[in-house]
């Protein structure tokens, strides 16, 4: 059984079949960009091309298409396959677009908040540390 699995994997990972997987991923990305089309529409558009291909190449193309569909429409299933990274230290609290070239980003690192001014792919000013303000209900017990 193990030798059958290894020979199947070797056949699927050949250059020709990896090329068909790449074509499947490309078709999935193009179909995913078009509004209103999804994985089922991509599968139905790809189906006529699969009939003339050998089985392994068709399977490789379908694997590529399904991989893009899973990434887009079912990311929670893919999260189960990834290793647990624990609690994240960095969180983007809020963003504010000032104009098409600049934006303000409020990030939280551990228990500290920092304000960044970003523009055209670079940081325009150094990070400014902000004092943590307690919620209004914690300051005023009568609320």
Protein backbone atom coordinates (compact mmCIF):
# COMPACT_ATOMS: atom_id res chain seq x y z
CA UNK A 1 0.00 0.00 0.00
CA UNK A 2 2.83 2.39 0.84
CA UNK A 3 4.54 1.73 -2.49
CA UNK A 4 1.30 2.56 -4.33
CA UNK A 5 1.00 5.83 -2.41
CA UNK A 6 4.60 6.77 -3.19
CA UNK A 7 4.27 5.97 -6.89
CA UNK A 8 1.04 8.00 -7.07
CA UNK A 9 2.70 10.95 -5.37
CA UNK A 10 5.69 10.71 -7.70
CA UNK A 11 3.37 10.68 -10.72
CA UNK A 12 1.39 13.68 -9.42
CA UNK A 13 4.51 15.70 -8.66
CA UNK A 14 6.08 15.37 -12.10
CA UNK A 15 6.81 18.54 -14.08
CA UNK A 16 3.89 18.05 -16.49
CA UNK A 17 1.36 17.57 -13.69
CA UNK A 18 2.74 20.45 -11.64
CA UNK A 19 2.28 22.60 -14.74
CA UNK A 20 -1.37 21.53 -14.94
CA UNK A 21 -1.77 22.33 -11.23
CA UNK A 22 -0.39 25.81 -11.94
CA UNK A 23 -2.92 26.20 -14.78
CA UNK A 24 -5.69 25.13 -12.37
CA UNK A 25 -4.57 27.68 -9.79
CA UNK A 26 -4.42 30.39 -12.47
CA UNK A 27 -7.91 29.56 -13.72
CA UNK A 28 -9.18 29.55 -10.13
CA UNK A 29 -7.66 32.97 -9.48
CA UNK A 30 -9.11 34.44 -12.67
CA UNK A 31 -12.56 33.02 -11.93
CA UNK A 32 -12.33 34.17 -8.31
CA UNK A 33 -11.70 37.76 -9.41
CA UNK A 34 -14.82 37.89 -11.60
CA UNK A 35 -17.82 38.92 -9.47
CA UNK A 36 -20.56 36.31 -9.19
CA UNK A 37 -18.41 33.34 -10.16
CA UNK A 38 -17.21 30.85 -7.60
CA UNK A 39 -15.80 27.37 -7.25
CA UNK A 40 -18.77 25.55 -8.82
CA UNK A 41 -18.77 27.89 -11.82
CA UNK A 42 -15.02 27.40 -12.18
CA UNK A 43 -15.44 23.64 -12.06
CA UNK A 44 -18.18 23.72 -14.68
CA UNK A 45 -16.08 25.99 -16.94
CA UNK A 46 -13.07 23.71 -16.58
CA UNK A 47 -14.96 20.43 -17.10
CA UNK A 48 -14.99 20.40 -20.94
CA UNK A 49 -11.21 20.72 -21.00
CA UNK A 50 -10.77 17.83 -18.59
CA UNK A 51 -12.43 15.21 -20.84
CA UNK A 52 -9.60 15.19 -23.37
CA UNK A 53 -6.81 14.97 -20.79
CA UNK A 54 -5.26 11.97 -19.08
CA UNK A 55 -6.55 11.25 -15.57
CA UNK A 56 -3.58 12.46 -13.56
CA UNK A 57 -3.31 15.77 -15.44
CA UNK A 58 -7.06 16.40 -15.01
CA UNK A 59 -6.80 15.58 -11.31
CA UNK A 60 -3.83 17.93 -10.96
CA UNK A 61 -5.79 20.75 -12.61
CA UNK A 62 -8.78 20.13 -10.33
CA UNK A 63 -6.53 20.13 -7.25
CA UNK A 64 -5.22 23.55 -8.26
CA UNK A 65 -8.74 24.91 -8.78
CA UNK A 66 -10.03 23.49 -5.49
CA UNK A 67 -7.02 24.86 -3.59
CA UNK A 68 -7.88 28.40 -4.72
CA UNK A 69 -11.56 27.85 -3.89
CA UNK A 70 -10.76 26.61 -0.40
CA UNK A 71 -8.44 29.53 0.22
CA UNK A 72 -11.12 32.03 -0.79
CA UNK A 73 -14.38 30.49 0.42
CA UNK A 74 -13.41 28.27 3.35
CA UNK A 75 -10.39 29.77 5.14
CA UNK A 76 -11.53 28.28 8.47
CA UNK A 77 -10.90 24.77 7.07
CA UNK A 78 -7.36 25.74 6.08
CA UNK A 79 -6.71 27.19 9.54
CA UNK A 80 -7.22 23.72 11.01
CA UNK A 81 -4.32 22.45 8.88
CA UNK A 82 -1.92 25.16 10.06
CA UNK A 83 0.09 24.99 13.26
CA UNK A 84 -1.21 26.94 16.24
CA UNK A 85 0.87 30.09 16.66
CA UNK A 86 -0.52 31.02 20.04
CA UNK A 87 -1.69 34.48 21.04
CA UNK A 88 -0.67 37.23 18.63
CA UNK A 89 1.16 40.19 20.08
CA UNK A 90 0.43 42.64 17.26
CA UNK A 91 -3.10 43.76 16.40
CA UNK A 92 -4.29 46.45 14.00
CA UNK A 93 -6.86 48.32 16.05
CA UNK A 94 -8.07 50.83 13.47
CA UNK A 95 -7.13 52.41 10.15
CA UNK A 96 -8.18 55.76 8.76
CA UNK A 97 -7.64 56.71 5.11
CA UNK A 98 -6.63 60.37 4.93
CA UNK A 99 -6.30 60.57 1.14
CA UNK A 100 -5.41 58.10 -1.64
CA UNK A 101 -1.71 58.30 -0.72
CA UNK A 102 -1.78 58.39 3.11
CA UNK A 103 -3.42 56.56 5.97
CA UNK A 104 -3.26 56.49 9.76
CA UNK A 105 -2.90 53.07 11.36
CA UNK A 106 -3.43 52.44 15.07
CA UNK A 107 -1.67 49.24 16.15
CA UNK A 108 -1.51 47.55 19.52
CA UNK A 109 1.70 45.80 20.57
CA UNK A 110 1.23 43.89 23.81
CA UNK A 111 -0.47 46.52 26.05
CA UNK A 112 0.82 49.55 24.16
CA UNK A 113 -0.83 51.38 21.28
CA UNK A 114 1.15 53.11 18.53
CA UNK A 115 0.00 55.45 15.79
CA UNK A 116 1.65 55.17 12.36
CA UNK A 117 1.31 57.50 9.39
CA UNK A 118 1.80 55.44 6.22
CA UNK A 119 2.03 56.65 2.66
CA UNK A 120 2.97 55.24 -0.74
CA UNK A 121 4.44 52.02 0.63
CA UNK A 122 6.56 53.58 3.38
CA UNK A 123 6.27 54.95 6.89
CA UNK A 124 6.17 58.75 6.82
CA UNK A 125 6.75 59.36 10.52
CA UNK A 126 8.12 57.31 13.37
CA UNK A 127 5.69 55.43 15.60
CA UNK A 128 4.06 57.54 18.28
CA UNK A 129 3.31 55.76 21.55
CA UNK A 130 -0.12 56.53 22.92
CA UNK A 131 -1.28 56.35 26.51
CA UNK A 132 -3.90 53.67 27.09
CA UNK A 133 -7.21 55.33 27.97
CA UNK A 134 -9.57 53.23 30.12
CA UNK A 135 -13.15 52.79 28.87
CA UNK A 136 -15.70 55.40 29.94
CA UNK A 137 -17.65 52.95 32.12
CA UNK A 138 -14.52 52.14 34.15
CA UNK A 139 -13.90 55.86 34.88
CA UNK A 140 -17.48 56.78 35.78
CA UNK A 141 -19.18 54.13 38.00
CA UNK A 142 -22.60 55.81 37.67
CA UNK A 143 -22.88 55.05 33.95
